[in-house]
Amino acid sequence: LMGMNLGERFGGLGLSGPALYRAVELVAGACGSTASML
């Protein structure tokens, strides 16, 4: 999760913009504080 916004060449997940958007939505819906830190 800590590298969701980065490409695979940096060791990130390389998610597209829409996929990253949904991932952040899910974290925030569960715990806003965790999404804030992330």
PDB file of all heavy atoms in Angstrom:
ATOM      1  N   LEU A   1       0.808  -1.220   0.000  1.00  0.00           N
ATOM      2  CA  LEU A   1       0.000   0.000   0.000  1.00  0.00           C
ATOM      3  C   LEU A   1       0.839   1.267   0.000  1.00  0.00           C
ATOM      4  O   LEU A   1       0.426   2.286  -0.565  1.00  0.00           O
ATOM      5  CB  LEU A   1      -0.943   0.017   1.212  1.00  0.00           C
ATOM      6  CG  LEU A   1      -2.332  -0.596   1.008  1.00  0.00           C
ATOM      7  CD1 LEU A   1      -2.217  -2.098   0.803  1.00  0.00           C
ATOM      8  CD2 LEU A   1      -3.234  -0.313   2.207  1.00  0.00           C
ATOM      9  N   MET A   2       2.019   1.237   0.620  1.00  0.00           N
ATOM     10  CA  MET A   2       2.812   2.456   0.743  1.00  0.00           C
ATOM     11  C   MET A   2       3.402   2.901  -0.590  1.00  0.00           C
ATOM     12  O   MET A   2       3.848   4.037  -0.724  1.00  0.00           O
ATOM     13  CB  MET A   2       3.923   2.268   1.773  1.00  0.00           C
ATOM     14  CG  MET A   2       3.434   1.815   3.149  1.00  0.00           C
ATOM     15  SD  MET A   2       2.146   2.871   3.842  1.00  0.00           S
ATOM     16  CE  MET A   2       3.050   4.390   4.152  1.00  0.00           C
ATOM     17  N   GLY A   3       3.401   2.006  -1.586  1.00  0.00           N
ATOM     18  CA  GLY A   3       3.921   2.362  -2.899  1.00  0.00           C
ATOM     19  C   GLY A   3       2.881   2.289  -3.993  1.00  0.00           C
ATOM     20  O   GLY A   3       3.227   2.180  -5.181  1.00  0.00           O
ATOM     21  N   MET A   4       1.602   2.358  -3.623  1.00  0.00           N
ATOM     22  CA  MET A   4       0.541   2.238  -4.632  1.00  0.00           C
ATOM     23  C   MET A   4       0.608   3.322  -5.694  1.00  0.00           C
ATOM     24  O   MET A   4       0.185   3.116  -6.835  1.00  0.00           O
ATOM     25  CB  MET A   4      -0.837   2.280  -3.969  1.00  0.00           C
ATOM     26  CG  MET A   4      -1.192   1.085  -3.131  1.00  0.00           C
ATOM     27  SD  MET A   4      -2.946   1.080  -2.679  1.00  0.00           S
ATOM     28  CE  MET A   4      -3.088   2.593  -1.696  1.00  0.00           C
ATOM     29  N   ASN A   5       1.107   4.495  -5.330  1.00  0.00           N
ATOM     30  CA  ASN A   5       1.116   5.630  -6.244  1.00  0.00           C
ATOM     31  C   ASN A   5       2.333   5.662  -7.151  1.00  0.00           C
ATOM     32  O   ASN A   5       2.446   6.542  -8.008  1.00  0.00           O
ATOM     33  CB  ASN A   5       1.060   6.935  -5.451  1.00  0.00           C
ATOM     34  CG  ASN A   5       2.267   7.098  -4.526  1.00  0.00           C
ATOM     35  OD1 ASN A   5       2.672   6.139  -3.873  1.00  0.00           O
ATOM     36  ND2 ASN A   5       2.826   8.286  -4.452  1.00  0.00           N
ATOM     37  N   LEU A   6       3.250   4.707  -6.966  1.00  0.00           N
ATOM     38  CA  LEU A   6       4.498   4.712  -7.724  1.00  0.00           C
ATOM     39  C   LEU A   6       4.550   3.566  -8.724  1.00  0.00           C
ATOM     40  O   LEU A   6       3.938   2.520  -8.525  1.00  0.00           O
ATOM     41  CB  LEU A   6       5.688   4.615  -6.764  1.00  0.00           C
ATOM     42  CG  LEU A   6       5.866   5.796  -5.813  1.00  0.00           C
ATOM     43  CD1 LEU A   6       6.925   5.478  -4.774  1.00  0.00           C
ATOM     44  CD2 LEU A   6       6.223   7.073  -6.578  1.00  0.00           C
ATOM     45  N   GLY A   7       5.322   3.777  -9.783  1.00  0.00           N
ATOM     46  CA  GLY A   7       5.458   2.766 -10.817  1.00  0.00           C
ATOM     47  C   GLY A   7       6.281   1.571 -10.356  1.00  0.00           C
ATOM     48  O   GLY A   7       7.008   1.628  -9.349  1.00  0.00           O
ATOM     49  N   GLU A   8       6.206   0.516 -11.116  1.00  0.00           N
ATOM     50  CA  GLU A   8       6.912  -0.719 -10.759  1.00  0.00           C
ATOM     51  C   GLU A   8       8.426  -0.539 -10.775  1.00  0.00           C
ATOM     52  O   GLU A   8       9.141  -1.232 -10.049  1.00  0.00           O
ATOM     53  CB  GLU A   8       6.489  -1.839 -11.706  1.00  0.00           C
ATOM     54  CG  GLU A   8       5.027  -2.248 -11.535  1.00  0.00           C
ATOM     55  CD  GLU A   8       4.613  -3.347 -12.503  1.00  0.00           C
ATOM     56  OE1 GLU A   8       5.428  -3.700 -13.389  1.00  0.00           O
ATOM     57  OE2 GLU A   8       3.473  -3.833 -12.383  1.00  0.00           O
ATOM     58  N   ARG A   9       8.937   0.409 -11.568  1.00  0.00           N
ATOM     59  CA  ARG A   9      10.383   0.594 -11.612  1.00  0.00           C
ATOM     60  C   ARG A   9      10.934   1.125 -10.293  1.00  0.00           C
ATOM     61  O   ARG A   9      12.120   1.025 -10.019  1.00  0.00           O
ATOM     62  CB  ARG A   9      10.772   1.519 -12.767  1.00  0.00           C
ATOM     63  CG  ARG A   9      10.540   3.004 -12.558  1.00  0.00           C
ATOM     64  CD  ARG A   9      11.075   3.769 -13.769  1.00  0.00           C
ATOM     65  NE  ARG A   9      11.108   5.191 -13.582  1.00  0.00           N
ATOM     66  CZ  ARG A   9      10.107   6.007 -13.844  1.00  0.00           C
ATOM     67  NH1 ARG A   9       8.958   5.506 -14.284  1.00  0.00           N
ATOM     68  NH2 ARG A   9      10.236   7.312 -13.679  1.00  0.00           N
ATOM     69  N   PHE A  10      10.054   1.678  -9.453  1.00  0.00           N
ATOM     70  CA  PHE A  10      10.449   2.140  -8.125  1.00  0.00           C
ATOM     71  C   PHE A  10      10.057   1.142  -7.036  1.00  0.00           C
ATOM     72  O   PHE A  10      10.205   1.432  -5.845  1.00  0.00           O
ATOM     73  CB  PHE A  10       9.804   3.492  -7.811  1.00  0.00           C
ATOM     74  CG  PHE A  10      10.248   4.604  -8.709  1.00  0.00           C
ATOM     75  CD1 PHE A  10       9.336   5.271  -9.505  1.00  0.00           C
ATOM     76  CD2 PHE A  10      11.580   4.983  -8.774  1.00  0.00           C
ATOM     77  CE1 PHE A  10       9.731   6.303 -10.343  1.00  0.00           C
ATOM     78  CE2 PHE A  10      11.990   6.014  -9.610  1.00  0.00           C
ATOM     79  CZ  PHE A  10      11.063   6.675 -10.397  1.00  0.00           C
ATOM     80  N   GLY A  11       9.536  -0.004  -7.438  1.00  0.00           N
ATOM     81  CA  GLY A  11       9.093  -0.974  -6.462  1.00  0.00           C
ATOM     82  C   GLY A  11       7.652  -0.779  -6.031  1.00  0.00           C
ATOM     83  O   GLY A  11       7.191  -1.430  -5.091  1.00  0.00           O
ATOM     84  N   GLY A  12       6.937   0.117  -6.721  1.00  0.00           N
ATOM     85  CA  GLY A  12       5.535   0.350  -6.401  1.00  0.00           C
ATOM     86  C   GLY A  12       4.620  -0.624  -7.112  1.00  0.00           C
ATOM     87  O   GLY A  12       5.066  -1.476  -7.895  1.00  0.00           O
ATOM     88  N   LEU A  13       3.334  -0.514  -6.842  1.00  0.00           N
ATOM     89  CA  LEU A  13       2.362  -1.407  -7.464  1.00  0.00           C
ATOM     90  C   LEU A  13       2.011  -0.999  -8.890  1.00  0.00           C
ATOM     91  O   LEU A  13       1.453  -1.788  -9.645  1.00  0.00           O
ATOM     92  CB  LEU A  13       1.080  -1.455  -6.619  1.00  0.00           C
ATOM     93  CG  LEU A  13       1.191  -2.097  -5.238  1.00  0.00           C
ATOM     94  CD1 LEU A  13      -0.170  -2.088  -4.547  1.00  0.00           C
ATOM     95  CD2 LEU A  13       1.720  -3.520  -5.336  1.00  0.00           C
ATOM     96  N   GLY A  14       2.319   0.242  -9.237  1.00  0.00           N
ATOM     97  CA  GLY A  14       2.051   0.693 -10.599  1.00  0.00           C
ATOM     98  C   GLY A  14       0.577   0.767 -10.933  1.00  0.00           C
ATOM     99  O   GLY A  14       0.181   0.508 -12.076  1.00  0.00           O
ATOM    100  N   LEU A  15      -0.252   1.123  -9.962  1.00  0.00           N
ATOM    101  CA  LEU A  15      -1.690   1.194 -10.205  1.00  0.00           C
ATOM    102  C   LEU A  15      -2.035   2.366 -11.124  1.00  0.00           C
ATOM    103  O   LEU A  15      -1.404   3.428 -11.071  1.00  0.00           O
ATOM    104  CB  LEU A  15      -2.449   1.356  -8.889  1.00  0.00           C
ATOM    105  CG  LEU A  15      -2.378   0.215  -7.879  1.00  0.00           C
ATOM    106  CD1 LEU A  15      -3.253   0.538  -6.669  1.00  0.00           C
ATOM    107  CD2 LEU A  15      -2.805  -1.115  -8.503  1.00  0.00           C
ATOM    108  N   SER A  16      -3.044   2.180 -11.928  1.00  0.00           N
ATOM    109  CA  SER A  16      -3.568   3.282 -12.731  1.00  0.00           C
ATOM    110  C   SER A  16      -4.271   4.282 -11.816  1.00  0.00           C
ATOM    111  O   SER A  16      -4.569   3.985 -10.652  1.00  0.00           O
ATOM    112  CB  SER A  16      -4.560   2.749 -13.763  1.00  0.00           C
ATOM    113  OG  SER A  16      -5.693   2.182 -13.108  1.00  0.00           O
ATOM    114  N   GLY A  17      -4.556   5.466 -12.376  1.00  0.00           N
ATOM    115  CA  GLY A  17      -5.248   6.480 -11.585  1.00  0.00           C
ATOM    116  C   GLY A  17      -6.565   6.003 -11.002  1.00  0.00           C
ATOM    117  O   GLY A  17      -6.818   6.174  -9.804  1.00  0.00           O
ATOM    118  N   PRO A  18      -7.443   5.372 -11.799  1.00  0.00           N
ATOM    119  CA  PRO A  18      -8.716   4.885 -11.250  1.00  0.00           C
ATOM    120  C   PRO A  18      -8.547   3.810 -10.178  1.00  0.00           C
ATOM    121  O   PRO A  18      -9.277   3.794  -9.198  1.00  0.00           O
ATOM    122  CB  PRO A  18      -9.433   4.334 -12.493  1.00  0.00           C
ATOM    123  CG  PRO A  18      -8.877   5.123 -13.621  1.00  0.00           C
ATOM    124  CD  PRO A  18      -7.432   5.318 -13.280  1.00  0.00           C
ATOM    125  N   ALA A  19      -7.585   2.907 -10.360  1.00  0.00           N
ATOM    126  CA  ALA A  19      -7.373   1.854  -9.366  1.00  0.00           C
ATOM    127  C   ALA A  19      -6.848   2.445  -8.062  1.00  0.00           C
ATOM    128  O   ALA A  19      -7.271   2.048  -6.957  1.00  0.00           O
ATOM    129  CB  ALA A  19      -6.408   0.806  -9.898  1.00  0.00           C
ATOM    130  N   LEU A  20      -5.931   3.409  -8.170  1.00  0.00           N
ATOM    131  CA  LEU A  20      -5.420   4.068  -6.971  1.00  0.00           C
ATOM    132  C   LEU A  20      -6.544   4.810  -6.266  1.00  0.00           C
ATOM    133  O   LEU A  20      -6.649   4.785  -5.029  1.00  0.00           O
ATOM    134  CB  LEU A  20      -4.301   5.033  -7.355  1.00  0.00           C
ATOM    135  CG  LEU A  20      -3.690   5.855  -6.217  1.00  0.00           C
ATOM    136  CD1 LEU A  20      -3.072   4.958  -5.153  1.00  0.00           C
ATOM    137  CD2 LEU A  20      -2.645   6.833  -6.755  1.00  0.00           C
ATOM    138  N   TYR A  21      -7.399   5.457  -7.057  1.00  0.00           N
ATOM    139  CA  TYR A  21      -8.538   6.175  -6.471  1.00  0.00           C
ATOM    140  C   TYR A  21      -9.408   5.231  -5.641  1.00  0.00           C
ATOM    141  O   TYR A  21      -9.766   5.542  -4.504  1.00  0.00           O
ATOM    142  CB  TYR A  21      -9.371   6.807  -7.600  1.00  0.00           C
ATOM    143  CG  TYR A  21     -10.560   7.587  -7.107  1.00  0.00           C
ATOM    144  CD1 TYR A  21     -10.435   8.922  -6.775  1.00  0.00           C
ATOM    145  CD2 TYR A  21     -11.805   6.977  -6.939  1.00  0.00           C
ATOM    146  CE1 TYR A  21     -11.521   9.646  -6.304  1.00  0.00           C
ATOM    147  CE2 TYR A  21     -12.887   7.682  -6.474  1.00  0.00           C
ATOM    148  CZ  TYR A  21     -12.743   9.015  -6.153  1.00  0.00           C
ATOM    149  OH  TYR A  21     -13.820   9.725  -5.668  1.00  0.00           O
ATOM    150  N   ARG A  22      -9.736   4.085  -6.193  1.00  0.00           N
ATOM    151  CA  ARG A  22     -10.587   3.139  -5.465  1.00  0.00           C
ATOM    152  C   ARG A  22      -9.889   2.601  -4.234  1.00  0.00           C
ATOM    153  O   ARG A  22     -10.518   2.415  -3.177  1.00  0.00           O
ATOM    154  CB  ARG A  22     -11.006   1.987  -6.389  1.00  0.00           C
ATOM    155  CG  ARG A  22     -11.924   0.966  -5.726  1.00  0.00           C
ATOM    156  CD  ARG A  22     -13.171   1.622  -5.165  1.00  0.00           C
ATOM    157  NE  ARG A  22     -14.043   0.666  -4.490  1.00  0.00           N
ATOM    158  CZ  ARG A  22     -14.955   0.993  -3.589  1.00  0.00           C
ATOM    159  NH1 ARG A  22     -15.129   2.273  -3.242  1.00  0.00           N
ATOM    160  NH2 ARG A  22     -15.714   0.068  -3.037  1.00  0.00           N
ATOM    161  N   ALA A  23      -8.591   2.362  -4.322  1.00  0.00           N
ATOM    162  CA  ALA A  23      -7.845   1.855  -3.168  1.00  0.00           C
ATOM    163  C   ALA A  23      -7.877   2.852  -2.009  1.00  0.00           C
ATOM    164  O   ALA A  23      -8.092   2.483  -0.853  1.00  0.00           O
ATOM    165  CB  ALA A  23      -6.405   1.547  -3.568  1.00  0.00           C
ATOM    166  N   VAL A  24      -7.673   4.136  -2.337  1.00  0.00           N
ATOM    167  CA  VAL A  24      -7.707   5.164  -1.287  1.00  0.00           C
ATOM    168  C   VAL A  24      -9.110   5.279  -0.713  1.00  0.00           C
ATOM    169  O   VAL A  24      -9.287   5.450   0.498  1.00  0.00           O
ATOM    170  CB  VAL A  24      -7.215   6.518  -1.842  1.00  0.00           C
ATOM    171  CG1 VAL A  24      -7.421   7.631  -0.817  1.00  0.00           C
ATOM    172  CG2 VAL A  24      -5.740   6.430  -2.215  1.00  0.00           C
ATOM    173  N   GLU A  25     -10.127   5.181  -1.558  1.00  0.00           N
ATOM    174  CA  GLU A  25     -11.516   5.187  -1.083  1.00  0.00           C
ATOM    175  C   GLU A  25     -11.741   4.108  -0.028  1.00  0.00           C
ATOM    176  O   GLU A  25     -12.362   4.350   1.014  1.00  0.00           O
ATOM    177  CB  GLU A  25     -12.475   4.906  -2.244  1.00  0.00           C
ATOM    178  CG  GLU A  25     -13.023   6.085  -2.954  1.00  0.00           C
ATOM    179  CD  GLU A  25     -14.214   5.713  -3.831  1.00  0.00           C
ATOM    180  OE1 GLU A  25     -14.232   4.601  -4.392  1.00  0.00           O
ATOM    181  OE2 GLU A  25     -15.133   6.540  -3.948  1.00  0.00           O
ATOM    182  N   LEU A  26     -11.265   2.909  -0.301  1.00  0.00           N
ATOM    183  CA  LEU A  26     -11.489   1.782   0.602  1.00  0.00           C
ATOM    184  C   LEU A  26     -10.800   1.985   1.940  1.00  0.00           C
ATOM    185  O   LEU A  26     -11.378   1.719   3.000  1.00  0.00           O
ATOM    186  CB  LEU A  26     -10.995   0.491  -0.057  1.00  0.00           C
ATOM    187  CG  LEU A  26     -11.826  -0.012  -1.239  1.00  0.00           C
ATOM    188  CD1 LEU A  26     -11.068  -1.085  -2.008  1.00  0.00           C
ATOM    189  CD2 LEU A  26     -13.178  -0.546  -0.746  1.00  0.00           C
ATOM    190  N   VAL A  27      -9.564   2.469   1.903  1.00  0.00           N
ATOM    191  CA  VAL A  27      -8.842   2.729   3.153  1.00  0.00           C
ATOM    192  C   VAL A  27      -9.557   3.807   3.959  1.00  0.00           C
ATOM    193  O   VAL A  27      -9.766   3.675   5.166  1.00  0.00           O
ATOM    194  CB  VAL A  27      -7.385   3.129   2.860  1.00  0.00           C
ATOM    195  CG1 VAL A  27      -6.672   3.561   4.148  1.00  0.00           C
ATOM    196  CG2 VAL A  27      -6.621   1.963   2.221  1.00  0.00           C
ATOM    197  N   ALA A  28      -9.956   4.884   3.291  1.00  0.00           N
ATOM    198  CA  ALA A  28     -10.620   5.991   3.983  1.00  0.00           C
ATOM    199  C   ALA A  28     -11.964   5.579   4.557  1.00  0.00           C
ATOM    200  O   ALA A  28     -12.325   5.986   5.666  1.00  0.00           O
ATOM    201  CB  ALA A  28     -10.800   7.175   3.039  1.00  0.00           C
ATOM    202  N   GLY A  29     -12.715   4.780   3.812  1.00  0.00           N
ATOM    203  CA  GLY A  29     -14.014   4.339   4.308  1.00  0.00           C
ATOM    204  C   GLY A  29     -13.902   3.487   5.548  1.00  0.00           C
ATOM    205  O   GLY A  29     -14.823   3.448   6.370  1.00  0.00           O
ATOM    206  N   ALA A  30     -12.753   2.824   5.701  1.00  0.00           N
ATOM    207  CA  ALA A  30     -12.524   2.001   6.890  1.00  0.00           C
ATOM    208  C   ALA A  30     -11.936   2.806   8.032  1.00  0.00           C
ATOM    209  O   ALA A  30     -12.338   2.656   9.191  1.00  0.00           O
ATOM    210  CB  ALA A  30     -11.594   0.838   6.537  1.00  0.00           C
ATOM    211  N   CYS A  31     -10.967   3.677   7.736  1.00  0.00           N
ATOM    212  CA  CYS A  31     -10.310   4.479   8.779  1.00  0.00           C
ATOM    213  C   CYS A  31      -9.744   5.741   8.152  1.00  0.00           C
ATOM    214  O   CYS A  31      -8.717   5.689   7.456  1.00  0.00           O
ATOM    215  CB  CYS A  31      -9.204   3.680   9.465  1.00  0.00           C
ATOM    216  SG  CYS A  31      -8.316   4.605  10.745  1.00  0.00           S
ATOM    217  N   GLY A  32     -10.388   6.860   8.405  1.00  0.00           N
ATOM    218  CA  GLY A  32      -9.944   8.123   7.835  1.00  0.00           C
ATOM    219  C   GLY A  32      -8.545   8.510   8.270  1.00  0.00           C
ATOM    220  O   GLY A  32      -7.766   9.053   7.483  1.00  0.00           O
ATOM    221  N   SER A  33      -8.187   8.208   9.511  1.00  0.00           N
ATOM    222  CA  SER A  33      -6.859   8.559  10.013  1.00  0.00           C
ATOM    223  C   SER A  33      -5.768   7.823   9.248  1.00  0.00           C
ATOM    224  O   SER A  33      -4.718   8.390   8.924  1.00  0.00           O
ATOM    225  CB  SER A  33      -6.755   8.233  11.507  1.00  0.00           C
ATOM    226  OG  SER A  33      -7.556   9.098  12.279  1.00  0.00           O
ATOM    227  N   THR A  34      -6.008   6.553   8.973  1.00  0.00           N
ATOM    228  CA  THR A  34      -5.021   5.765   8.230  1.00  0.00           C
ATOM    229  C   THR A  34      -4.868   6.295   6.816  1.00  0.00           C
ATOM    230  O   THR A  34      -3.754   6.392   6.284  1.00  0.00           O
ATOM    231  CB  THR A  34      -5.418   4.283   8.209  1.00  0.00           C
ATOM    232  OG1 THR A  34      -5.524   3.813   9.561  1.00  0.00           O
ATOM    233  CG2 THR A  34      -4.382   3.446   7.483  1.00  0.00           C
ATOM    234  N   ALA A  35      -5.973   6.663   6.187  1.00  0.00           N
ATOM    235  CA  ALA A  35      -5.908   7.241   4.845  1.00  0.00           C
ATOM    236  C   ALA A  35      -5.154   8.564   4.855  1.00  0.00           C
ATOM    237  O   ALA A  35      -4.410   8.878   3.921  1.00  0.00           O
ATOM    238  CB  ALA A  35      -7.315   7.437   4.289  1.00  0.00           C
ATOM    239  N   SER A  36      -5.315   9.333   5.912  1.00  0.00           N
ATOM    240  CA  SER A  36      -4.608  10.608   6.034  1.00  0.00           C
ATOM    241  C   SER A  36      -3.108  10.380   6.105  1.00  0.00           C
ATOM    242  O   SER A  36      -2.322  11.054   5.425  1.00  0.00           O
ATOM    243  CB  SER A  36      -5.088  11.357   7.284  1.00  0.00           C
ATOM    244  OG  SER A  36      -4.331  12.520   7.503  1.00  0.00           O
ATOM    245  N   MET A  37      -2.678   9.440   6.935  1.00  0.00           N
ATOM    246  CA  MET A  37      -1.266   9.107   7.041  1.00  0.00           C
ATOM    247  C   MET A  37      -0.719   8.609   5.708  1.00  0.00           C
ATOM    248  O   MET A  37       0.347   9.016   5.259  1.00  0.00           O
ATOM    249  CB  MET A  37      -1.070   8.042   8.131  1.00  0.00           C
ATOM    250  CG  MET A  37       0.365   7.578   8.342  1.00  0.00           C
ATOM    251  SD  MET A  37       0.837   6.157   7.307  1.00  0.00           S
ATOM    252  CE  MET A  37      -0.219   4.872   7.981  1.00  0.00           C
ATOM    253  N   LEU A  38      -1.478   7.749   5.043  1.00  0.00           N
ATOM    254  CA  LEU A  38      -1.048   7.156   3.786  1.00  0.00           C
ATOM    255  C   LEU A  38      -0.907   8.201   2.690  1.00  0.00           C
ATOM    256  O   LEU A  38       0.109   8.250   1.976  1.00  0.00           O
ATOM    257  CB  LEU A  38      -2.055   6.084   3.368  1.00  0.00           C
ATOM    258  CG  LEU A  38      -1.838   5.398   2.022  1.00  0.00           C
ATOM    259  CD1 LEU A  38      -0.542   4.598   2.026  1.00  0.00           C
ATOM    260  CD2 LEU A  38      -3.027   4.503   1.677  1.00  0.00           C
TER     261      LEU A  38
END
